[in-house]
Amino acid sequence: MVSSNDIATALAETFPDLVVNMNTRAQMLGMNATQFLNTTGLDEADQWGAVSTTYDMIKLLRHI
């Protein structure tokens, strides 16, 4: 999939610990089946394992 995630990439470059913070916040929200590997949500060629569930995304949306 081709995607232009310029803002997500810029955020990651500006805040180097962003993905760590995203995972910490996900755990705080009870999103126990979610693991972020990058800010875009897209798998990289050498990465495998970014996961989530519909239920966890509902928890996130309720928080917003």
N, C-alpha and C. Protein backbone atom coordinates (compact mmCIF):
# COMPACT_ATOMS: atom_id res chain seq x y z
N MET A 1 0.84 -1.16 0.00
CA MET A 1 0.00 0.00 0.00
C MET A 1 0.89 1.24 0.00
N VAL A 2 0.59 2.17 -0.86
CA VAL A 2 1.32 3.42 -0.91
C VAL A 2 0.52 4.46 -0.14
N SER A 3 1.20 5.19 0.72
CA SER A 3 0.52 6.20 1.51
C SER A 3 1.48 7.35 1.78
N SER A 4 0.92 8.54 1.83
CA SER A 4 1.72 9.71 2.17
C SER A 4 1.36 10.13 3.59
N ASN A 5 2.20 9.75 4.51
CA ASN A 5 1.97 10.06 5.92
C ASN A 5 3.00 11.07 6.40
N ASP A 6 3.06 12.19 5.70
CA ASP A 6 4.07 13.21 6.00
C ASP A 6 3.97 13.73 7.43
N ILE A 7 2.76 13.95 7.90
CA ILE A 7 2.59 14.50 9.25
C ILE A 7 3.03 13.48 10.29
N ALA A 8 2.66 12.22 10.11
CA ALA A 8 3.06 11.17 11.06
C ALA A 8 4.58 11.03 11.08
N THR A 9 5.20 11.13 9.92
CA THR A 9 6.66 11.04 9.83
C THR A 9 7.31 12.25 10.50
N ALA A 10 6.76 13.43 10.28
CA ALA A 10 7.30 14.64 10.90
C ALA A 10 7.18 14.58 12.42
N LEU A 11 6.06 14.08 12.92
CA LEU A 11 5.90 13.93 14.36
C LEU A 11 6.93 12.97 14.94
N ALA A 12 7.15 11.87 14.25
CA ALA A 12 8.13 10.89 14.72
C ALA A 12 9.54 11.47 14.75
N GLU A 13 9.86 12.29 13.77
CA GLU A 13 11.19 12.92 13.73
C GLU A 13 11.33 13.98 14.81
N THR A 14 10.24 14.67 15.12
CA THR A 14 10.27 15.73 16.13
C THR A 14 10.28 15.16 17.55
N PHE A 15 9.54 14.09 17.74
CA PHE A 15 9.42 13.44 19.05
C PHE A 15 9.91 12.01 18.95
N PRO A 16 11.21 11.77 19.17
CA PRO A 16 11.78 10.44 18.95
C PRO A 16 11.16 9.33 19.81
N ASP A 17 10.60 9.67 20.96
CA ASP A 17 10.00 8.65 21.82
C ASP A 17 8.49 8.51 21.61
N LEU A 18 7.99 9.03 20.51
CA LEU A 18 6.55 9.05 20.29
C LEU A 18 5.94 7.65 20.28
N VAL A 19 6.56 6.70 19.62
CA VAL A 19 6.00 5.35 19.56
C VAL A 19 5.99 4.70 20.94
N VAL A 20 7.04 4.93 21.71
CA VAL A 20 7.07 4.42 23.09
C VAL A 20 5.92 5.03 23.89
N ASN A 21 5.71 6.34 23.73
CA ASN A 21 4.62 7.02 24.42
C ASN A 21 3.26 6.52 23.95
N MET A 22 3.13 6.24 22.66
CA MET A 22 1.87 5.71 22.14
C MET A 22 1.56 4.36 22.77
N ASN A 23 2.56 3.51 22.88
CA ASN A 23 2.36 2.19 23.49
C ASN A 23 2.06 2.30 24.99
N THR A 24 2.73 3.23 25.67
CA THR A 24 2.46 3.44 27.10
C THR A 24 1.03 3.91 27.31
N ARG A 25 0.61 4.86 26.50
CA ARG A 25 -0.75 5.39 26.61
C ARG A 25 -1.79 4.32 26.27
N ALA A 26 -1.49 3.51 25.28
CA ALA A 26 -2.41 2.43 24.92
C ALA A 26 -2.62 1.49 26.11
N GLN A 27 -1.55 1.16 26.79
CA GLN A 27 -1.66 0.30 27.97
C GLN A 27 -2.45 0.99 29.07
N MET A 28 -2.24 2.28 29.26
CA MET A 28 -2.98 3.04 30.28
C MET A 28 -4.48 3.05 29.99
N LEU A 29 -4.84 3.03 28.71
CA LEU A 29 -6.24 3.02 28.31
C LEU A 29 -6.84 1.62 28.31
N GLY A 30 -6.02 0.61 28.65
CA GLY A 30 -6.51 -0.77 28.67
C GLY A 30 -6.52 -1.42 27.31
N MET A 31 -5.75 -0.87 26.37
CA MET A 31 -5.67 -1.43 25.03
C MET A 31 -4.60 -2.53 25.02
N ASN A 32 -4.91 -3.63 25.66
CA ASN A 32 -3.93 -4.69 25.91
C ASN A 32 -3.56 -5.51 24.68
N ALA A 33 -4.33 -5.40 23.62
CA ALA A 33 -4.03 -6.16 22.40
C ALA A 33 -3.41 -5.28 21.32
N THR A 34 -2.92 -4.10 21.72
CA THR A 34 -2.37 -3.14 20.75
C THR A 34 -0.88 -2.95 20.98
N GLN A 35 -0.14 -2.95 19.87
CA GLN A 35 1.28 -2.65 19.89
C GLN A 35 1.60 -1.81 18.66
N PHE A 36 2.10 -0.60 18.88
CA PHE A 36 2.49 0.27 17.77
C PHE A 36 3.99 0.10 17.51
N LEU A 37 4.36 0.07 16.23
CA LEU A 37 5.77 -0.01 15.85
C LEU A 37 6.25 1.28 15.20
N ASN A 38 5.31 2.07 14.68
CA ASN A 38 5.67 3.33 14.05
C ASN A 38 4.46 4.26 14.14
N THR A 39 4.62 5.49 13.70
CA THR A 39 3.53 6.46 13.80
C THR A 39 2.53 6.36 12.67
N THR A 40 2.88 5.72 11.59
CA THR A 40 1.98 5.68 10.44
C THR A 40 0.95 4.56 10.51
N GLY A 41 1.25 3.52 11.25
CA GLY A 41 0.35 2.38 11.30
C GLY A 41 0.55 1.42 10.14
N LEU A 42 1.49 1.73 9.27
CA LEU A 42 1.78 0.86 8.14
C LEU A 42 2.98 -0.01 8.45
N ASP A 43 2.94 -1.26 8.02
CA ASP A 43 4.08 -2.15 8.24
C ASP A 43 5.23 -1.77 7.32
N GLU A 44 6.41 -1.77 7.90
CA GLU A 44 7.63 -1.58 7.12
C GLU A 44 8.06 -2.95 6.61
N ALA A 45 8.92 -2.95 5.61
CA ALA A 45 9.37 -4.22 5.03
C ALA A 45 10.06 -5.10 6.07
N ASP A 46 10.79 -4.49 7.01
CA ASP A 46 11.53 -5.27 7.98
C ASP A 46 10.83 -5.34 9.34
N GLN A 47 9.59 -4.87 9.41
CA GLN A 47 8.85 -4.90 10.67
C GLN A 47 7.62 -5.77 10.53
N TRP A 48 7.36 -6.52 11.55
CA TRP A 48 6.15 -7.31 11.61
C TRP A 48 5.71 -7.34 13.06
N GLY A 49 4.48 -7.07 13.31
CA GLY A 49 4.02 -7.17 14.66
C GLY A 49 3.20 -5.99 15.16
N ALA A 50 3.00 -4.96 14.35
CA ALA A 50 2.10 -3.88 14.77
C ALA A 50 0.69 -4.44 14.73
N VAL A 51 0.05 -4.50 15.89
CA VAL A 51 -1.26 -5.13 15.97
C VAL A 51 -2.22 -4.29 16.79
N SER A 52 -3.49 -4.51 16.57
CA SER A 52 -4.54 -3.93 17.38
C SER A 52 -5.81 -4.71 17.10
N THR A 53 -6.85 -4.37 17.83
CA THR A 53 -8.15 -5.00 17.63
C THR A 53 -9.20 -3.91 17.50
N THR A 54 -10.34 -4.27 16.97
CA THR A 54 -11.45 -3.33 16.88
C THR A 54 -11.83 -2.85 18.28
N TYR A 55 -11.87 -3.76 19.21
CA TYR A 55 -12.23 -3.42 20.58
C TYR A 55 -11.26 -2.38 21.18
N ASP A 56 -9.98 -2.55 20.93
CA ASP A 56 -9.00 -1.57 21.42
C ASP A 56 -9.17 -0.21 20.74
N MET A 57 -9.49 -0.20 19.46
CA MET A 57 -9.70 1.07 18.77
C MET A 57 -10.94 1.77 19.30
N ILE A 58 -11.95 1.02 19.70
CA ILE A 58 -13.14 1.61 20.33
C ILE A 58 -12.75 2.27 21.65
N LYS A 59 -11.89 1.62 22.42
CA LYS A 59 -11.41 2.22 23.66
C LYS A 59 -10.72 3.56 23.38
N LEU A 60 -9.91 3.59 22.33
CA LEU A 60 -9.21 4.83 21.95
C LEU A 60 -10.21 5.91 21.55
N LEU A 61 -11.16 5.55 20.74
CA LEU A 61 -12.15 6.53 20.28
C LEU A 61 -12.99 7.07 21.45
N ARG A 62 -13.31 6.23 22.41
CA ARG A 62 -14.05 6.69 23.58
C ARG A 62 -13.23 7.69 24.38
N HIS A 63 -11.93 7.51 24.40
CA HIS A 63 -11.05 8.40 25.15
C HIS A 63 -10.97 9.77 24.48
N ILE A 64 -10.99 9.77 23.17
CA ILE A 64 -10.88 11.04 22.42
C ILE A 64 -12.13 11.83 22.64
